[in-house]
């Protein structure tokens, strides 16, 4: 459920509805206040956009299944192995890692937060940087889990990367409001105050970061304040579910989203795949990468077949 908490957001909600229909998403419905409360009785809003095809899954279990399928087809999976070099040799690529060297005819770079670095290691300047945006989670205590039935999102601003506070039900365990913020110092780490000097330096010396910050500093500052203040976090959440109080939430983990940032400070708002010789770089894969991983995987397969002149 995407919720307009004020009439001023109705136009953006209707635009989302039109986009969804043009992209063939089934079952979309624009709802008035009463229809909204029939589906989410504790949600406050003037209008809602119901997306019935949305779901939640255990993505760790999905990844384990992918690994099992890979192994069953003779694939080899290596973890805890950082890539340190990519060298061409006799028409193949030598992948130098902290776990040894690997030789491959073709390489597909799906390195997420580090995809720009892998591209540069291979000799390609992607003309962008991956900047991390960190999301934090709270769990709703068990006696208040009835306040949220499924997923409740605010109306997003298409010009801004931050999702804002939203609520989801995860299995039978918890409601998890998450707020995404610019992680200025923790860089490509997950902790709020963790610091990797090299990562932070790379972000803070990139001109595109400061151009983005100049444009969005007010919103970014508000997100940072909510990160350190549970009271402000709850106030934002109460715009969607007013019955949730500060005592109803307990701190949980956090996550990082990889966002491609161009030198002029603009945020890359689409997938970006680059084919160079025997390598295919996935430089920007938007946040639906997990939930749409099968469809994206099929698209990558088709691109690889074309780029590398392969036959299935």
Protein backbone atom coordinates (compact mmCIF):
# COMPACT_ATOMS: atom_id res chain seq x y z
CA UNK A 1 0.00 0.00 0.00
CA UNK A 2 1.42 3.36 -1.06
CA UNK A 3 -0.21 6.05 1.06
CA UNK A 4 -0.80 9.75 0.45
CA UNK A 5 -0.86 11.31 3.90
CA UNK A 6 -2.07 14.67 2.49
CA UNK A 7 -4.03 15.83 -0.56
CA UNK A 8 -0.89 17.51 -1.88
CA UNK A 9 0.52 14.02 -2.57
CA UNK A 10 -2.47 12.81 -4.59
CA UNK A 11 -1.05 13.91 -7.95
CA UNK A 12 2.13 11.89 -7.40
CA UNK A 13 0.05 8.89 -6.33
CA UNK A 14 -1.98 9.12 -9.54
CA UNK A 15 1.26 9.35 -11.54
CA UNK A 16 2.51 6.14 -9.90
CA UNK A 17 -0.80 4.48 -10.74
CA UNK A 18 -0.45 5.51 -14.39
CA UNK A 19 3.15 4.28 -14.52
CA UNK A 20 2.18 0.96 -13.00
CA UNK A 21 -0.61 0.39 -15.48
CA UNK A 22 1.61 1.34 -18.44
CA UNK A 23 4.17 -1.21 -17.22
CA UNK A 24 1.55 -3.95 -16.99
CA UNK A 25 1.44 -4.38 -13.19
CA UNK A 26 -1.76 -6.32 -12.50
CA UNK A 27 -4.44 -5.50 -9.95
CA UNK A 28 -3.53 -1.88 -9.20
CA UNK A 29 -6.28 0.11 -7.48
CA UNK A 30 -6.53 3.72 -6.36
CA UNK A 31 -8.39 3.82 -3.04
CA UNK A 32 -10.17 6.48 -1.05
CA UNK A 33 -9.74 6.84 2.70
CA UNK A 34 -12.40 4.26 3.61
CA UNK A 35 -11.17 1.69 1.09
CA UNK A 36 -7.62 2.16 2.37
CA UNK A 37 -8.67 1.41 5.94
CA UNK A 38 -10.49 -1.75 4.86
CA UNK A 39 -7.10 -3.22 3.89
CA UNK A 40 -4.91 -1.47 6.50
CA UNK A 41 -7.29 -0.52 9.36
CA UNK A 42 -4.65 1.32 11.41
CA UNK A 43 -3.15 3.30 8.56
CA UNK A 44 -3.85 7.02 8.27
CA UNK A 45 -4.02 8.54 4.82
CA UNK A 46 -6.30 10.42 2.46
CA UNK A 47 -5.75 8.05 -0.48
CA UNK A 48 -3.92 4.82 -1.20
CA UNK A 49 -2.51 2.85 -4.12
CA UNK A 50 -2.95 -0.88 -3.58
CA UNK A 51 -0.34 -3.12 -5.25
CA UNK A 52 -1.58 -6.66 -4.50
CA UNK A 53 1.26 -8.43 -6.32
CA UNK A 54 3.89 -7.25 -3.83
CA UNK A 55 5.38 -9.83 -1.48
CA UNK A 56 8.11 -10.44 1.07
CA UNK A 57 10.55 -13.33 1.07
CA UNK A 58 13.52 -14.67 2.99
CA UNK A 59 16.25 -13.49 0.64
CA UNK A 60 18.99 -15.35 2.49
CA UNK A 61 17.10 -18.54 1.67
CA UNK A 62 16.76 -17.39 -1.96
CA UNK A 63 20.53 -16.82 -2.18
CA UNK A 64 21.20 -20.24 -0.68
CA UNK A 65 18.94 -21.81 -3.31
CA UNK A 66 20.79 -19.95 -6.06
CA UNK A 67 24.07 -21.29 -4.64
CA UNK A 68 22.67 -24.84 -4.58
CA UNK A 69 21.55 -24.57 -8.21
CA UNK A 70 24.95 -23.17 -9.22
CA UNK A 71 26.78 -26.04 -7.52
CA UNK A 72 24.47 -28.67 -9.01
CA UNK A 73 25.41 -27.43 -12.50
CA UNK A 74 29.14 -27.65 -11.84
CA UNK A 75 29.61 -24.02 -10.84
CA UNK A 76 32.17 -22.93 -8.26
CA UNK A 77 31.35 -20.44 -5.52
CA UNK A 78 34.07 -18.58 -3.62
CA UNK A 79 33.33 -16.23 -0.73
CA UNK A 80 35.61 -13.93 1.30
CA UNK A 81 37.73 -13.36 -1.80
CA UNK A 82 38.41 -9.75 -2.80
CA UNK A 83 39.26 -9.03 -6.42
CA UNK A 84 42.64 -7.30 -6.68
CA UNK A 85 43.30 -7.41 -10.42
CA UNK A 86 41.87 -8.24 -13.85
CA UNK A 87 44.43 -9.04 -16.55
CA UNK A 88 44.02 -10.10 -20.18
CA UNK A 89 45.99 -13.17 -21.23
CA UNK A 90 45.61 -15.08 -24.52
CA UNK A 91 42.04 -13.91 -25.06
CA UNK A 92 41.00 -14.76 -21.51
CA UNK A 93 40.81 -12.83 -18.25
CA UNK A 94 42.92 -13.62 -15.22
CA UNK A 95 40.94 -12.69 -12.11
CA UNK A 96 43.41 -12.02 -9.31
CA UNK A 97 41.89 -12.38 -5.84
CA UNK A 98 42.92 -12.79 -2.24
CA UNK A 99 41.95 -16.48 -2.65
CA UNK A 100 44.17 -17.04 -5.69
CA UNK A 101 43.86 -16.60 -9.46
CA UNK A 102 40.95 -17.66 -11.64
CA UNK A 103 40.96 -17.88 -15.42
CA UNK A 104 37.78 -17.12 -17.36
CA UNK A 105 36.80 -16.62 -20.98
CA UNK A 106 34.08 -14.13 -20.01
CA UNK A 107 33.45 -12.04 -16.89
CA UNK A 108 30.21 -10.51 -15.60
CA UNK A 109 30.77 -7.87 -12.91
CA UNK A 110 27.89 -7.87 -10.40
CA UNK A 111 29.87 -6.32 -7.54
CA UNK A 112 27.15 -4.02 -6.21
CA UNK A 113 28.71 -1.46 -3.88
CA UNK A 114 32.09 -2.12 -5.51
CA UNK A 115 31.03 -2.45 -9.16
CA UNK A 116 32.62 0.90 -10.06
CA UNK A 117 35.91 -0.22 -8.51
CA UNK A 118 35.89 -3.51 -10.42
CA UNK A 119 35.28 -1.57 -13.65
CA UNK A 120 38.25 0.67 -12.92
CA UNK A 121 40.45 -2.34 -12.05
CA UNK A 122 39.58 -3.75 -15.49
CA UNK A 123 40.73 -0.52 -17.14
CA UNK A 124 37.31 1.05 -17.75
CA UNK A 125 36.36 4.42 -16.30
CA UNK A 126 32.59 4.20 -15.65
CA UNK A 127 32.37 8.01 -15.22
CA UNK A 128 30.34 7.55 -12.05
CA UNK A 129 30.81 6.50 -8.44
CA UNK A 130 28.81 4.20 -6.24
CA UNK A 131 27.77 6.11 -3.12
CA UNK A 132 26.18 4.12 -0.27
CA UNK A 133 22.83 5.03 1.27
CA UNK A 134 22.18 3.34 4.59
CA UNK A 135 18.81 2.10 5.85
CA UNK A 136 18.06 1.32 9.49
CA UNK A 137 15.46 -1.06 10.87
CA UNK A 138 13.28 -1.22 13.96
CA UNK A 139 11.17 -4.21 14.99
CA UNK A 140 7.63 -3.71 16.22
CA UNK A 141 7.03 -5.49 19.52
CA UNK A 142 4.84 -8.61 19.25
CA UNK A 143 1.76 -7.15 20.96
CA UNK A 144 1.62 -4.32 18.38
CA UNK A 145 2.24 -6.33 15.20
CA UNK A 146 -1.46 -6.26 14.37
CA UNK A 147 -1.11 -2.57 13.49
CA UNK A 148 0.50 -3.42 10.13
CA UNK A 149 -0.88 -6.18 7.90
CA UNK A 150 1.51 -6.03 4.95
CA UNK A 151 3.68 -3.29 3.43
CA UNK A 152 2.92 0.41 3.91
CA UNK A 153 4.97 2.99 1.98
CA UNK A 154 4.79 6.77 1.74
CA UNK A 155 4.42 8.39 -1.68
CA UNK A 156 8.01 8.66 -2.95
CA UNK A 157 9.59 11.67 -4.57
CA UNK A 158 10.87 10.39 -7.95
CA UNK A 159 13.64 13.02 -7.92
CA UNK A 160 15.00 11.87 -4.56
CA UNK A 161 16.58 8.49 -3.68
CA UNK A 162 15.44 8.21 -0.08
CA UNK A 163 12.41 6.02 0.55
CA UNK A 164 11.44 7.65 3.80
CA UNK A 165 10.02 5.77 6.77
CA UNK A 166 7.90 2.79 5.79
CA UNK A 167 6.54 -0.36 7.38
CA UNK A 168 6.63 -4.00 6.35
CA UNK A 169 5.61 -7.27 7.92
CA UNK A 170 8.42 -9.81 7.88
CA UNK A 171 7.09 -13.35 8.30
CA UNK A 172 5.32 -13.47 11.68
CA UNK A 173 8.12 -11.73 13.50
CA UNK A 174 8.05 -8.01 13.05
CA UNK A 175 7.04 -4.82 11.36
CA UNK A 176 10.20 -3.16 10.09
CA UNK A 177 10.02 0.56 9.36
CA UNK A 178 13.13 1.48 7.42
CA UNK A 179 14.55 4.86 6.65
CA UNK A 180 17.31 5.31 4.12
CA UNK A 181 19.88 8.06 4.59
CA UNK A 182 23.10 9.30 3.10
CA UNK A 183 25.91 7.58 4.98
CA UNK A 184 28.50 10.33 4.92
CA UNK A 185 31.14 8.78 7.15
CA UNK A 186 30.35 5.09 7.44
CA UNK A 187 30.84 4.83 3.66
CA UNK A 188 30.59 1.22 2.53
CA UNK A 189 30.15 -0.16 6.05
CA UNK A 190 26.87 -0.94 7.81
CA UNK A 191 27.39 0.60 11.26
CA UNK A 192 26.15 4.12 11.99
CA UNK A 193 29.51 5.32 13.32
CA UNK A 194 31.84 2.83 11.61
CA UNK A 195 34.50 4.51 9.54
CA UNK A 196 36.71 3.22 6.76
CA UNK A 197 39.00 6.07 5.96
CA UNK A 198 39.67 4.98 2.39
CA UNK A 199 35.97 4.63 1.58
CA UNK A 200 35.08 7.93 3.23
CA UNK A 201 37.91 9.72 1.43
CA UNK A 202 36.81 8.29 -1.91
CA UNK A 203 33.27 9.57 -1.40
CA UNK A 204 34.17 12.95 0.07
CA UNK A 205 36.72 13.79 -2.64
CA UNK A 206 34.33 13.01 -5.47
CA UNK A 207 32.94 16.27 -6.98
CA UNK A 208 29.58 14.66 -7.72
CA UNK A 209 29.01 13.99 -4.02
CA UNK A 210 29.30 17.66 -3.08
CA UNK A 211 27.10 18.73 -5.99
CA UNK A 212 24.45 16.27 -4.82
CA UNK A 213 24.87 17.38 -1.19
CA UNK A 214 24.43 21.03 -2.18
CA UNK A 215 21.14 20.17 -3.81
CA UNK A 216 19.74 17.79 -1.16
CA UNK A 217 21.44 18.88 2.07
CA UNK A 218 18.20 19.74 3.89
CA UNK A 219 16.68 16.32 3.24
CA UNK A 220 19.96 14.57 4.03
CA UNK A 221 20.32 16.45 7.32
CA UNK A 222 16.77 15.49 8.30
CA UNK A 223 17.56 11.83 7.63
CA UNK A 224 20.71 11.98 9.76
CA UNK A 225 18.73 13.53 12.62
CA UNK A 226 16.17 10.71 12.42
CA UNK A 227 19.02 8.21 12.50
CA UNK A 228 20.18 9.48 15.90
CA UNK A 229 16.74 10.31 17.31
CA UNK A 230 14.20 7.52 17.81
CA UNK A 231 11.61 10.13 18.73
CA UNK A 232 11.94 11.85 15.33
CA UNK A 233 11.87 8.48 13.62
CA UNK A 234 8.60 7.56 15.34
CA UNK A 235 7.06 10.95 14.52
CA UNK A 236 7.68 10.27 10.83
CA UNK A 237 6.24 6.77 11.12
CA UNK A 238 3.12 8.09 12.87
CA UNK A 239 2.19 9.94 9.67
CA UNK A 240 1.36 6.48 8.31
CA UNK A 241 0.43 4.51 11.45
CA UNK A 242 -0.42 6.98 14.24
CA UNK A 243 -1.01 4.30 16.92
CA UNK A 244 2.67 3.29 17.00
CA UNK A 245 4.52 4.81 19.95
CA UNK A 246 8.20 5.10 20.81
CA UNK A 247 8.01 2.18 23.28
CA UNK A 248 6.63 -0.10 20.55
CA UNK A 249 9.88 -0.21 18.55
CA UNK A 250 13.12 -2.04 19.29
CA UNK A 251 16.33 -1.48 17.32
CA UNK A 252 17.31 -4.02 14.71
CA UNK A 253 19.92 -4.08 11.95
CA UNK A 254 20.75 -1.93 8.96
CA UNK A 255 21.52 -2.26 5.28
CA UNK A 256 23.24 -0.34 2.50
CA UNK A 257 21.93 0.53 -0.93
CA UNK A 258 24.33 1.07 -3.82
CA UNK A 259 23.47 4.30 -5.65
CA UNK A 260 25.29 5.42 -8.79
CA UNK A 261 26.21 9.11 -8.68
CA UNK A 262 27.36 11.04 -11.73
CA UNK A 263 30.04 13.73 -11.69
CA UNK A 264 27.47 16.51 -12.10
CA UNK A 265 25.76 15.40 -8.87
CA UNK A 266 22.78 13.70 -10.52
CA UNK A 267 21.63 10.27 -9.40
CA UNK A 268 21.55 7.56 -12.04
CA UNK A 269 17.90 6.55 -12.10
CA UNK A 270 18.09 3.48 -14.31
CA UNK A 271 19.96 0.24 -14.75
CA UNK A 272 23.34 0.67 -16.41
CA UNK A 273 25.12 -2.26 -18.06
CA UNK A 274 28.35 -1.78 -20.04
CA UNK A 275 29.90 -4.36 -22.38
CA UNK A 276 33.62 -4.06 -23.05
CA UNK A 277 35.40 -6.86 -24.92
CA UNK A 278 34.92 -10.02 -22.83
CA UNK A 279 33.45 -8.27 -19.78
CA UNK A 280 29.93 -7.17 -18.89
CA UNK A 281 29.71 -4.63 -16.06
CA UNK A 282 26.48 -4.16 -14.09
CA UNK A 283 27.26 -0.67 -12.85
CA UNK A 284 23.89 0.31 -11.44
CA UNK A 285 21.23 -2.17 -10.39
CA UNK A 286 18.34 -0.43 -8.63
CA UNK A 287 16.77 -1.47 -5.34
CA UNK A 288 14.39 -4.09 -6.88
CA UNK A 289 17.49 -6.17 -7.65
CA UNK A 290 16.59 -8.76 -5.01
CA UNK A 291 12.85 -9.08 -5.56
CA UNK A 292 13.25 -8.97 -9.35
CA UNK A 293 16.45 -11.05 -9.39
CA UNK A 294 15.05 -13.81 -11.62
CA UNK A 295 13.82 -11.37 -14.26
CA UNK A 296 17.03 -9.35 -14.07
CA UNK A 297 19.05 -12.56 -14.34
CA UNK A 298 17.19 -13.51 -17.52
CA UNK A 299 17.87 -10.05 -18.97
CA UNK A 300 21.58 -10.35 -18.12
CA UNK A 301 21.70 -13.79 -19.76
CA UNK A 302 20.23 -12.36 -22.97
CA UNK A 303 22.73 -9.47 -22.90
CA UNK A 304 25.63 -11.86 -22.32
CA UNK A 305 24.54 -14.06 -25.20
CA UNK A 306 24.48 -11.06 -27.51
CA UNK A 307 27.64 -9.38 -26.16
CA UNK A 308 29.73 -12.56 -26.14
CA UNK A 309 28.11 -14.15 -29.23
CA UNK A 310 27.02 -17.21 -27.31
CA UNK A 311 24.40 -19.82 -28.07
CA UNK A 312 22.27 -21.19 -25.26
